[in-house]
Each structure stands twice: as C-alpha cells, then as structure tokens.
Amino acid sequence: MKNGEFRVVIALLTVALTVAILFGGYSAYNVYGIEKPVKNQLSSLEPVSQVVITKEKQIYDIRVQLSMVDNLQSAYNHIEKTLNQRFSGNEYDLQIIDNRNEKLEQLHSELQPAMQQAAAQSEFVWLNDQLNEKCSQMELQHELWVDEERIYIQVQDADHYLYEIIARPGMSINKSINQ
C-alpha cells in the first residue's frame, strides 16, 4: 500500500471512529442523563406504578401507569410538573395508562361522544349529569374535574379504574392521554 492510500484509510477510520464515539456519547446522554433520571423521579411519585420512556425523533414518549388515585387531576398535574422541570412542553408526549375492564371500556365507548361534546362546548354540568346517569345504571363510581386546559374523568369498578383526560379545544397542550 502506498503512503497516500495509507493516509486515506487512516483518515476514514478516524472519521468512522469519531462518528461512533459521538453517537455512543449521545445515546449514553439520552439514557443516563435524561431517561433514567426522569423515570426515577416519576417512579418515586406515590400513584405511579410503572414508567416507560422511549424517544421518537425529537419527542420523548412517556407512558405512566397509575395505580388507583383519589384525585386524577392532582395526580396528573403533579406528574406534568415533574416532567416540566426537565423538558419543555413540546419535547414530550405524556400518556396515562389506567386499568380498565370490559365494563369500563363499554362506558367509555358509550360516553365518548358526550365527552367530546362537553369539551368542545364547555358543557361540564351536562357531562356530569351524563356520567351520573350512566354510572348509576352500571353501578360505577365516578369523579369529574375541570381546569383551564383539561377535563379529568375518573371512574371506578371495584379494582378496575378508567382515567380519561381530555384537552379542551383551543388549549395548546401536546399531551395525549389514556390507553
């Protein structure tokens, strides 16, 4: 091999090694500098039973499994406050995972249009009446909370629970909620 060819090979190996080191450093930073600390912070919150964090493009997908809570609004806001200490609002997508059974899935399916109508038209008293009627028929307990950004619906059937968090139209939040 000629001296010039040898230099080209060395230069290419150096570039490849540099790219590998940079990529490895970036990956390590994401895992040990962001994902693990956030996961540990969220896992330390009382209602949180599981946290899964993945990164798609530039957005962190954060899935939080909650145990049964007394106040969904308070629990959600506490989780969001914890995330906002580390991220800006457009850097993550928060999904709250509940523990639904077939009965709660049926309720959700039947009330989905009413929930969306209430969010679009700010008909919260009407939505609460709809929830009272349906939950009484199905022997379920429910709670409804509303703030400037979201509607929080919590329904319980023994050890199973449904958490529905609906963004109010016109409010700029990037959180998708529920599974």
N, C-alpha and C. Protein backbone atom coordinates (compact mmCIF):
# COMPACT_ATOMS: atom_id res chain seq x y z
N MET A 1 0.85 -1.17 0.00
CA MET A 1 0.00 0.00 0.00
C MET A 1 0.90 1.24 0.00
N LYS A 2 0.53 2.17 -0.84
CA LYS A 2 1.31 3.40 -0.95
C LYS A 2 1.01 4.31 0.24
N ASN A 3 1.92 5.22 0.47
CA ASN A 3 1.82 6.14 1.59
C ASN A 3 0.54 6.98 1.53
N GLY A 4 0.12 7.43 0.34
CA GLY A 4 -1.09 8.23 0.16
C GLY A 4 -2.34 7.42 0.46
N GLU A 5 -2.36 6.15 0.01
CA GLU A 5 -3.51 5.28 0.28
C GLU A 5 -3.63 5.00 1.78
N PHE A 6 -2.48 4.83 2.42
CA PHE A 6 -2.47 4.56 3.85
C PHE A 6 -3.07 5.73 4.62
N ARG A 7 -2.76 6.94 4.21
CA ARG A 7 -3.31 8.13 4.86
C ARG A 7 -4.82 8.22 4.68
N VAL A 8 -5.33 7.87 3.50
CA VAL A 8 -6.77 7.89 3.24
C VAL A 8 -7.48 6.88 4.14
N VAL A 9 -6.91 5.68 4.26
CA VAL A 9 -7.50 4.65 5.11
C VAL A 9 -7.51 5.12 6.57
N ILE A 10 -6.43 5.69 7.03
CA ILE A 10 -6.35 6.21 8.41
C ILE A 10 -7.39 7.32 8.62
N ALA A 11 -7.52 8.21 7.64
CA ALA A 11 -8.50 9.30 7.76
C ALA A 11 -9.92 8.75 7.83
N LEU A 12 -10.24 7.76 6.98
CA LEU A 12 -11.59 7.16 7.00
C LEU A 12 -11.85 6.45 8.32
N LEU A 13 -10.88 5.72 8.82
CA LEU A 13 -11.05 5.05 10.12
C LEU A 13 -11.24 6.06 11.24
N THR A 14 -10.51 7.16 11.17
CA THR A 14 -10.64 8.21 12.18
C THR A 14 -12.04 8.83 12.16
N VAL A 15 -12.55 9.09 10.96
CA VAL A 15 -13.90 9.65 10.83
C VAL A 15 -14.93 8.66 11.36
N ALA A 16 -14.80 7.38 10.99
CA ALA A 16 -15.75 6.36 11.46
C ALA A 16 -15.71 6.23 12.98
N LEU A 17 -14.52 6.24 13.55
CA LEU A 17 -14.38 6.14 15.00
C LEU A 17 -14.97 7.37 15.70
N THR A 18 -14.76 8.54 15.14
CA THR A 18 -15.30 9.77 15.71
C THR A 18 -16.83 9.75 15.70
N VAL A 19 -17.42 9.33 14.59
CA VAL A 19 -18.88 9.25 14.48
C VAL A 19 -19.42 8.24 15.50
N ALA A 20 -18.76 7.09 15.62
CA ALA A 20 -19.20 6.07 16.58
C ALA A 20 -19.13 6.61 18.01
N ILE A 21 -18.08 7.31 18.35
CA ILE A 21 -17.94 7.88 19.70
C ILE A 21 -19.00 8.94 19.96
N LEU A 22 -19.25 9.80 18.98
CA LEU A 22 -20.28 10.83 19.14
C LEU A 22 -21.66 10.21 19.31
N PHE A 23 -21.98 9.23 18.48
CA PHE A 23 -23.28 8.57 18.57
C PHE A 23 -23.42 7.85 19.91
N GLY A 24 -22.37 7.17 20.33
CA GLY A 24 -22.40 6.48 21.63
C GLY A 24 -22.56 7.45 22.79
N GLY A 25 -21.87 8.58 22.71
CA GLY A 25 -22.00 9.60 23.75
C GLY A 25 -23.39 10.19 23.82
N TYR A 26 -23.97 10.44 22.65
CA TYR A 26 -25.32 10.98 22.59
C TYR A 26 -26.32 9.98 23.16
N SER A 27 -26.17 8.70 22.79
CA SER A 27 -27.06 7.66 23.30
C SER A 27 -26.92 7.53 24.82
N ALA A 28 -25.69 7.55 25.31
CA ALA A 28 -25.47 7.46 26.76
C ALA A 28 -26.08 8.66 27.47
N TYR A 29 -25.95 9.84 26.90
CA TYR A 29 -26.55 11.04 27.50
C TYR A 29 -28.07 10.89 27.58
N ASN A 30 -28.69 10.41 26.49
CA ASN A 30 -30.15 10.23 26.50
C ASN A 30 -30.59 9.26 27.58
N VAL A 31 -29.88 8.15 27.70
CA VAL A 31 -30.28 7.13 28.67
C VAL A 31 -29.95 7.55 30.10
N TYR A 32 -28.70 7.93 30.35
CA TYR A 32 -28.26 8.20 31.72
C TYR A 32 -28.45 9.64 32.18
N GLY A 33 -28.57 10.55 31.23
CA GLY A 33 -28.73 11.95 31.59
C GLY A 33 -30.17 12.42 31.57
N ILE A 34 -31.02 11.70 30.82
CA ILE A 34 -32.42 12.13 30.71
C ILE A 34 -33.38 11.02 31.13
N GLU A 35 -33.40 9.90 30.38
CA GLU A 35 -34.43 8.88 30.58
C GLU A 35 -34.42 8.27 31.98
N LYS A 36 -33.27 7.82 32.45
CA LYS A 36 -33.22 7.18 33.78
C LYS A 36 -33.57 8.16 34.90
N PRO A 37 -33.02 9.38 34.92
CA PRO A 37 -33.42 10.31 35.99
C PRO A 37 -34.92 10.65 35.97
N VAL A 38 -35.48 10.84 34.78
CA VAL A 38 -36.92 11.13 34.69
C VAL A 38 -37.72 9.93 35.16
N LYS A 39 -37.33 8.75 34.71
CA LYS A 39 -38.03 7.53 35.13
C LYS A 39 -37.96 7.37 36.65
N ASN A 40 -36.80 7.61 37.24
CA ASN A 40 -36.66 7.51 38.69
C ASN A 40 -37.51 8.55 39.42
N GLN A 41 -37.53 9.78 38.91
CA GLN A 41 -38.35 10.84 39.53
C GLN A 41 -39.83 10.47 39.48
N LEU A 42 -40.29 10.03 38.31
CA LEU A 42 -41.71 9.68 38.17
C LEU A 42 -42.05 8.45 39.00
N SER A 43 -41.19 7.45 39.00
CA SER A 43 -41.44 6.22 39.76
C SER A 43 -41.53 6.49 41.26
N SER A 44 -40.90 7.55 41.73
CA SER A 44 -40.94 7.86 43.15
C SER A 44 -42.26 8.50 43.57
N LEU A 45 -43.07 8.94 42.61
CA LEU A 45 -44.37 9.52 42.94
C LEU A 45 -45.31 8.40 43.38
N GLU A 46 -46.12 8.67 44.40
CA GLU A 46 -46.94 7.63 45.01
C GLU A 46 -47.89 6.91 44.05
N PRO A 47 -48.67 7.58 43.20
CA PRO A 47 -49.61 6.82 42.39
C PRO A 47 -49.00 6.13 41.18
N VAL A 48 -47.73 6.37 40.89
CA VAL A 48 -47.11 5.81 39.69
C VAL A 48 -46.65 4.39 39.96
N SER A 49 -47.13 3.44 39.13
CA SER A 49 -46.72 2.05 39.31
C SER A 49 -45.72 1.60 38.24
N GLN A 50 -45.71 2.27 37.08
CA GLN A 50 -44.76 1.90 36.03
C GLN A 50 -44.53 3.08 35.10
N VAL A 51 -43.30 3.22 34.61
CA VAL A 51 -42.95 4.28 33.66
C VAL A 51 -42.16 3.67 32.52
N VAL A 52 -42.56 3.99 31.29
CA VAL A 52 -41.82 3.56 30.11
C VAL A 52 -41.53 4.81 29.29
N ILE A 53 -40.25 5.01 28.97
CA ILE A 53 -39.84 6.18 28.19
C ILE A 53 -39.13 5.72 26.93
N THR A 54 -39.62 6.18 25.79
CA THR A 54 -38.96 5.93 24.51
C THR A 54 -38.82 7.26 23.80
N LYS A 55 -37.92 7.30 22.83
CA LYS A 55 -37.72 8.55 22.10
C LYS A 55 -37.99 8.29 20.62
N GLU A 56 -38.91 9.04 20.06
CA GLU A 56 -39.23 9.01 18.64
C GLU A 56 -38.85 10.35 18.06
N LYS A 57 -37.90 10.34 17.15
CA LYS A 57 -37.37 11.58 16.57
C LYS A 57 -36.91 12.49 17.69
N GLN A 58 -37.52 13.64 17.86
CA GLN A 58 -37.09 14.58 18.91
C GLN A 58 -38.05 14.60 20.10
N ILE A 59 -39.04 13.71 20.11
CA ILE A 59 -40.08 13.71 21.15
C ILE A 59 -39.94 12.47 22.04
N TYR A 60 -39.97 12.68 23.34
CA TYR A 60 -39.98 11.56 24.29
C TYR A 60 -41.42 11.11 24.50
N ASP A 61 -41.67 9.82 24.29
CA ASP A 61 -42.97 9.22 24.55
C ASP A 61 -42.91 8.66 25.97
N ILE A 62 -43.67 9.25 26.87
CA ILE A 62 -43.63 8.87 28.28
C ILE A 62 -44.97 8.26 28.66
N ARG A 63 -44.94 6.97 28.96
CA ARG A 63 -46.15 6.22 29.34
C ARG A 63 -46.08 5.95 30.84
N VAL A 64 -47.08 6.46 31.56
CA VAL A 64 -47.11 6.34 33.02
C VAL A 64 -48.34 5.53 33.42
N GLN A 65 -48.10 4.38 34.04
CA GLN A 65 -49.18 3.55 34.58
C GLN A 65 -49.47 4.04 35.99
N LEU A 66 -50.72 4.42 36.23
CA LEU A 66 -51.11 4.88 37.56
C LEU A 66 -51.87 3.80 38.30
N SER A 67 -51.65 3.72 39.59
CA SER A 67 -52.50 2.89 40.43
C SER A 67 -53.77 3.70 40.70
N MET A 68 -54.65 3.17 41.52
CA MET A 68 -55.88 3.88 41.83
C MET A 68 -55.55 5.15 42.63
N VAL A 69 -56.12 6.27 42.21
CA VAL A 69 -55.86 7.55 42.87
C VAL A 69 -57.18 8.13 43.38
N ASP A 70 -57.08 9.03 44.35
CA ASP A 70 -58.26 9.71 44.86
C ASP A 70 -58.64 10.89 43.98
N ASN A 71 -57.63 11.54 43.39
CA ASN A 71 -57.88 12.75 42.61
C ASN A 71 -57.00 12.72 41.36
N LEU A 72 -57.59 12.36 40.24
CA LEU A 72 -56.85 12.24 38.98
C LEU A 72 -56.23 13.56 38.56
N GLN A 73 -56.96 14.65 38.73
CA GLN A 73 -56.44 15.96 38.34
C GLN A 73 -55.15 16.28 39.10
N SER A 74 -55.16 16.07 40.38
CA SER A 74 -53.99 16.35 41.20
C SER A 74 -52.82 15.45 40.80
N ALA A 75 -53.08 14.17 40.61
CA ALA A 75 -52.02 13.23 40.22
C ALA A 75 -51.42 13.61 38.87
N TYR A 76 -52.27 13.93 37.90
CA TYR A 76 -51.79 14.29 36.56
C TYR A 76 -50.96 15.57 36.62
N ASN A 77 -51.45 16.56 37.33
CA ASN A 77 -50.73 17.83 37.41
C ASN A 77 -49.38 17.67 38.11
N HIS A 78 -49.31 16.78 39.08
CA HIS A 78 -48.04 16.52 39.77
C HIS A 78 -47.04 15.86 38.80
N ILE A 79 -47.52 14.91 38.01
CA ILE A 79 -46.66 14.26 37.01
C ILE A 79 -46.19 15.28 35.99
N GLU A 80 -47.11 16.09 35.50
CA GLU A 80 -46.75 17.10 34.50
C GLU A 80 -45.75 18.12 35.06
N LYS A 81 -45.93 18.52 36.30
CA LYS A 81 -44.99 19.46 36.92
C LYS A 81 -43.59 18.84 37.00
N THR A 82 -43.53 17.57 37.34
CA THR A 82 -42.25 16.86 37.40
C THR A 82 -41.59 16.83 36.02
N LEU A 83 -42.37 16.55 34.98
CA LEU A 83 -41.82 16.50 33.62
C LEU A 83 -41.39 17.87 33.13
N ASN A 84 -42.14 18.90 33.49
CA ASN A 84 -41.81 20.26 33.03
C ASN A 84 -40.55 20.81 33.69
N GLN A 85 -40.10 20.20 34.76
CA GLN A 85 -38.82 20.58 35.36
C GLN A 85 -37.66 20.14 34.48
N ARG A 86 -37.87 19.12 33.66
CA ARG A 86 -36.81 18.54 32.84
C ARG A 86 -36.97 18.88 31.36
N PHE A 87 -38.21 19.00 30.89
CA PHE A 87 -38.49 19.20 29.47
C PHE A 87 -39.28 20.47 29.25
N SER A 88 -39.22 20.97 28.01
CA SER A 88 -40.20 21.99 27.62
C SER A 88 -41.44 21.23 27.15
N GLY A 89 -42.56 21.91 27.06
CA GLY A 89 -43.83 21.26 26.76
C GLY A 89 -43.88 20.51 25.45
N ASN A 90 -43.07 20.91 24.47
CA ASN A 90 -43.13 20.25 23.16
C ASN A 90 -42.08 19.16 23.00
N GLU A 91 -41.37 18.81 24.07
CA GLU A 91 -40.35 17.77 23.99
C GLU A 91 -40.85 16.39 24.42
N TYR A 92 -42.07 16.32 24.93
CA TYR A 92 -42.57 15.02 25.37
C TYR A 92 -44.06 14.88 25.10
N ASP A 93 -44.47 13.62 25.04
CA ASP A 93 -45.87 13.25 24.87
C ASP A 93 -46.21 12.33 26.04
N LEU A 94 -47.08 12.77 26.93
CA LEU A 94 -47.42 12.02 28.13
C LEU A 94 -48.69 11.20 27.90
N GLN A 95 -48.61 9.92 28.21
CA GLN A 95 -49.77 9.03 28.14
C GLN A 95 -49.98 8.42 29.52
N ILE A 96 -51.21 8.54 30.01
CA ILE A 96 -51.57 7.96 31.29
C ILE A 96 -52.26 6.63 31.02
N ILE A 97 -51.78 5.58 31.65
CA ILE A 97 -52.32 4.24 31.46
C ILE A 97 -53.14 3.89 32.70
N ASP A 98 -54.37 3.45 32.47
CA ASP A 98 -55.25 3.09 33.58
C ASP A 98 -55.40 1.57 33.64
N ASN A 99 -56.44 1.10 34.31
CA ASN A 99 -56.66 -0.34 34.50
C ASN A 99 -58.13 -0.64 34.20
N ARG A 100 -58.48 -0.59 32.93
CA ARG A 100 -59.88 -0.76 32.52
C ARG A 100 -60.25 -2.23 32.42
N ASN A 101 -61.53 -2.49 32.64
CA ASN A 101 -62.09 -3.79 32.34
C ASN A 101 -63.14 -3.61 31.24
N GLU A 102 -63.82 -4.67 30.90
CA GLU A 102 -64.79 -4.61 29.80
C GLU A 102 -65.94 -3.64 30.10
N LYS A 103 -66.38 -3.62 31.33
CA LYS A 103 -67.47 -2.72 31.74
C LYS A 103 -67.05 -1.25 31.57
N LEU A 104 -65.84 -0.93 31.97
CA LEU A 104 -65.34 0.44 31.83
C LEU A 104 -65.09 0.79 30.36
N GLU A 105 -64.64 -0.17 29.58
CA GLU A 105 -64.47 0.07 28.13
C GLU A 105 -65.83 0.38 27.49
N GLN A 106 -66.86 -0.36 27.91
CA GLN A 106 -68.20 -0.11 27.38
C GLN A 106 -68.68 1.29 27.75
N LEU A 107 -68.48 1.67 29.00
CA LEU A 107 -68.85 3.01 29.45
C LEU A 107 -68.12 4.07 28.62
N HIS A 108 -66.84 3.89 28.45
CA HIS A 108 -66.04 4.85 27.67
C HIS A 108 -66.57 4.95 26.25
N SER A 109 -66.85 3.83 25.66
CA SER A 109 -67.35 3.81 24.29
C SER A 109 -68.70 4.54 24.18
N GLU A 110 -69.57 4.32 25.14
CA GLU A 110 -70.89 4.95 25.11
C GLU A 110 -70.83 6.44 25.40
N LEU A 111 -69.90 6.87 26.23
CA LEU A 111 -69.84 8.28 26.63
C LEU A 111 -68.83 9.11 25.82
N GLN A 112 -68.09 8.48 24.92
CA GLN A 112 -67.09 9.21 24.15
C GLN A 112 -67.68 10.42 23.42
N PRO A 113 -68.80 10.29 22.72
CA PRO A 113 -69.36 11.48 22.06
C PRO A 113 -69.73 12.58 23.06
N ALA A 114 -70.29 12.21 24.20
CA ALA A 114 -70.66 13.20 25.21
C ALA A 114 -69.43 13.90 25.77
N MET A 115 -68.35 13.15 25.96
CA MET A 115 -67.12 13.75 26.48
C MET A 115 -66.55 14.77 25.50
N GLN A 116 -66.56 14.42 24.22
CA GLN A 116 -66.02 15.34 23.21
C GLN A 116 -66.92 16.57 23.06
N GLN A 117 -68.23 16.36 23.11
CA GLN A 117 -69.16 17.49 23.03
C GLN A 117 -68.98 18.43 24.22
N ALA A 118 -68.85 17.85 25.40
CA ALA A 118 -68.65 18.68 26.60
C ALA A 118 -67.36 19.48 26.51
N ALA A 119 -66.31 18.87 25.98
CA ALA A 119 -65.04 19.58 25.83
C ALA A 119 -65.17 20.70 24.81
N ALA A 120 -65.82 20.43 23.70
CA ALA A 120 -65.93 21.42 22.63
C ALA A 120 -66.83 22.59 23.02
N GLN A 121 -67.89 22.30 23.79
CA GLN A 121 -68.87 23.34 24.10
C GLN A 121 -68.85 23.78 25.56
N SER A 122 -67.88 23.30 26.31
CA SER A 122 -67.75 23.64 27.74
C SER A 122 -69.02 23.34 28.52
N GLU A 123 -69.60 22.17 28.28
CA GLU A 123 -70.84 21.74 28.95
C GLU A 123 -70.51 20.75 30.06
N PHE A 124 -69.87 21.23 31.10
CA PHE A 124 -69.36 20.35 32.13
C PHE A 124 -70.45 19.85 33.07
N VAL A 125 -71.42 20.68 33.38
CA VAL A 125 -72.53 20.24 34.24
C VAL A 125 -73.34 19.18 33.51
N TRP A 126 -73.57 19.38 32.22
CA TRP A 126 -74.28 18.39 31.41
C TRP A 126 -73.50 17.08 31.37
N LEU A 127 -72.19 17.15 31.20
CA LEU A 127 -71.36 15.94 31.18
C LEU A 127 -71.45 15.22 32.52
N ASN A 128 -71.42 15.97 33.61
CA ASN A 128 -71.54 15.35 34.93
C ASN A 128 -72.88 14.64 35.08
N ASP A 129 -73.95 15.24 34.55
CA ASP A 129 -75.27 14.59 34.58
C ASP A 129 -75.25 13.29 33.77
N GLN A 130 -74.61 13.32 32.60
CA GLN A 130 -74.49 12.12 31.77
C GLN A 130 -73.71 11.02 32.51
N LEU A 131 -72.63 11.42 33.15
CA LEU A 131 -71.83 10.46 33.92
C LEU A 131 -72.64 9.90 35.09
N ASN A 132 -73.36 10.77 35.81
CA ASN A 132 -74.19 10.30 36.93
C ASN A 132 -75.19 9.26 36.46
N GLU A 133 -75.87 9.55 35.37
CA GLU A 133 -76.90 8.64 34.86
C GLU A 133 -76.29 7.30 34.44
N LYS A 134 -75.25 7.33 33.63
CA LYS A 134 -74.65 6.10 33.11
C LYS A 134 -73.99 5.30 34.23
N CYS A 135 -73.27 5.97 35.11
CA CYS A 135 -72.57 5.26 36.18
C CYS A 135 -73.56 4.66 37.19
N SER A 136 -74.68 5.34 37.42
CA SER A 136 -75.71 4.77 38.30
C SER A 136 -76.28 3.50 37.69
N GLN A 137 -76.57 3.54 36.40
CA GLN A 137 -77.11 2.35 35.71
C GLN A 137 -76.13 1.18 35.77
N MET A 138 -74.85 1.47 35.66
CA MET A 138 -73.83 0.41 35.60
C MET A 138 -73.18 0.13 36.96
N GLU A 139 -73.67 0.80 38.02
CA GLU A 139 -73.16 0.64 39.38
C GLU A 139 -71.66 0.93 39.46
N LEU A 140 -71.30 2.11 38.99
CA LEU A 140 -69.91 2.57 38.99
C LEU A 140 -69.82 3.87 39.78
N GLN A 141 -68.64 4.16 40.32
CA GLN A 141 -68.40 5.44 40.99
C GLN A 141 -67.56 6.30 40.05
N HIS A 142 -67.85 7.61 40.07
CA HIS A 142 -67.08 8.50 39.18
C HIS A 142 -66.79 9.83 39.85
N GLU A 143 -65.79 10.50 39.30
CA GLU A 143 -65.43 11.86 39.69
C GLU A 143 -65.14 12.63 38.42
N LEU A 144 -65.44 13.92 38.45
CA LEU A 144 -65.19 14.80 37.30
C LEU A 144 -64.53 16.07 37.81
N TRP A 145 -63.40 16.44 37.19
CA TRP A 145 -62.72 17.69 37.50
C TRP A 145 -62.48 18.43 36.19
N VAL A 146 -62.46 19.75 36.28
CA VAL A 146 -62.23 20.59 35.10
C VAL A 146 -61.27 21.71 35.50
N ASP A 147 -60.31 22.00 34.64
CA ASP A 147 -59.49 23.19 34.81
C ASP A 147 -59.40 23.92 33.47
N GLU A 148 -58.54 24.89 33.37
CA GLU A 148 -58.46 25.72 32.16
C GLU A 148 -58.02 24.94 30.93
N GLU A 149 -57.30 23.84 31.12
CA GLU A 149 -56.73 23.11 30.00
C GLU A 149 -57.38 21.78 29.70
N ARG A 150 -57.96 21.13 30.72
CA ARG A 150 -58.41 19.75 30.54
C ARG A 150 -59.67 19.42 31.34
N ILE A 151 -60.27 18.31 30.93
CA ILE A 151 -61.35 17.66 31.68
C ILE A 151 -60.76 16.34 32.18
N TYR A 152 -60.98 16.03 33.45
CA TYR A 152 -60.45 14.81 34.06
C TYR A 152 -61.63 13.96 34.51
N ILE A 153 -61.72 12.75 34.00
CA ILE A 153 -62.80 11.84 34.37
C ILE A 153 -62.18 10.59 34.96
N GLN A 154 -62.68 10.22 36.12
CA GLN A 154 -62.18 9.05 36.84
C GLN A 154 -63.39 8.18 37.18
N VAL A 155 -63.37 6.92 36.74
CA VAL A 155 -64.48 6.01 37.01
C VAL A 155 -63.89 4.73 37.60
N GLN A 156 -64.57 4.22 38.63
CA GLN A 156 -64.06 3.03 39.32
C GLN A 156 -65.10 1.92 39.32
N ASP A 157 -64.62 0.70 39.07
CA ASP A 157 -65.42 -0.51 39.17
C ASP A 157 -64.59 -1.52 39.97
N ALA A 158 -64.81 -1.57 41.27
CA ALA A 158 -64.04 -2.43 42.19
C ALA A 158 -62.55 -2.11 42.05
N ASP A 159 -61.75 -3.09 41.60
CA ASP A 159 -60.30 -2.88 41.48
C ASP A 159 -59.89 -2.32 40.13
N HIS A 160 -60.84 -2.05 39.27
CA HIS A 160 -60.54 -1.51 37.94
C HIS A 160 -60.92 -0.04 37.89
N TYR A 161 -60.20 0.70 37.08
CA TYR A 161 -60.45 2.14 37.01
C TYR A 161 -60.13 2.66 35.62
N LEU A 162 -60.88 3.68 35.25
CA LEU A 162 -60.72 4.36 33.96
C LEU A 162 -60.30 5.79 34.25
N TYR A 163 -59.25 6.23 33.59
CA TYR A 163 -58.81 7.62 33.67
C TYR A 163 -58.89 8.21 32.28
N GLU A 164 -59.71 9.21 32.12
CA GLU A 164 -59.86 9.88 30.83
C GLU A 164 -59.51 11.35 31.04
N ILE A 165 -58.54 11.82 30.31
CA ILE A 165 -58.12 13.22 30.39
C ILE A 165 -58.27 13.80 29.00
N ILE A 166 -59.10 14.82 28.89
CA ILE A 166 -59.44 15.38 27.58
C ILE A 166 -58.98 16.83 27.52
N ALA A 167 -58.19 17.13 26.52
CA ALA A 167 -57.74 18.51 26.32
C ALA A 167 -58.93 19.34 25.84
N ARG A 168 -59.08 20.50 26.41
CA ARG A 168 -60.14 21.40 25.98
C ARG A 168 -59.69 22.11 24.70
N PRO A 169 -60.57 22.22 23.72
CA PRO A 169 -60.20 22.86 22.44
C PRO A 169 -59.68 24.28 22.66
N GLY A 170 -58.70 24.63 21.84
CA GLY A 170 -58.13 25.97 21.93
C GLY A 170 -57.01 26.06 22.93
N MET A 171 -56.80 25.00 23.68
CA MET A 171 -55.71 24.99 24.65
C MET A 171 -54.52 24.30 23.99
N SER A 172 -53.38 24.94 24.00
CA SER A 172 -52.22 24.38 23.32
C SER A 172 -51.42 23.50 24.28
N ILE A 173 -51.79 22.22 24.30
CA ILE A 173 -51.02 21.25 25.07
C ILE A 173 -50.73 20.08 24.15
N ASN A 174 -49.65 19.39 24.39
CA ASN A 174 -49.23 18.34 23.50
C ASN A 174 -49.39 16.96 24.12
N LYS A 175 -50.19 16.84 25.12
CA LYS A 175 -50.28 15.59 25.83
C LYS A 175 -51.41 14.75 25.25
N SER A 176 -51.10 13.56 24.84
CA SER A 176 -52.15 12.62 24.50
C SER A 176 -52.33 11.77 25.74
N ILE A 177 -53.53 11.36 25.97
CA ILE A 177 -53.81 10.75 27.24
C ILE A 177 -54.56 9.45 27.03
N ASN A 178 -54.29 8.51 27.88
CA ASN A 178 -55.07 7.29 28.05
C ASN A 178 -54.69 6.17 27.10
N GLN A 179 -54.97 5.02 27.57
CA GLN A 179 -54.80 3.79 26.80
C GLN A 179 -55.88 2.83 27.19
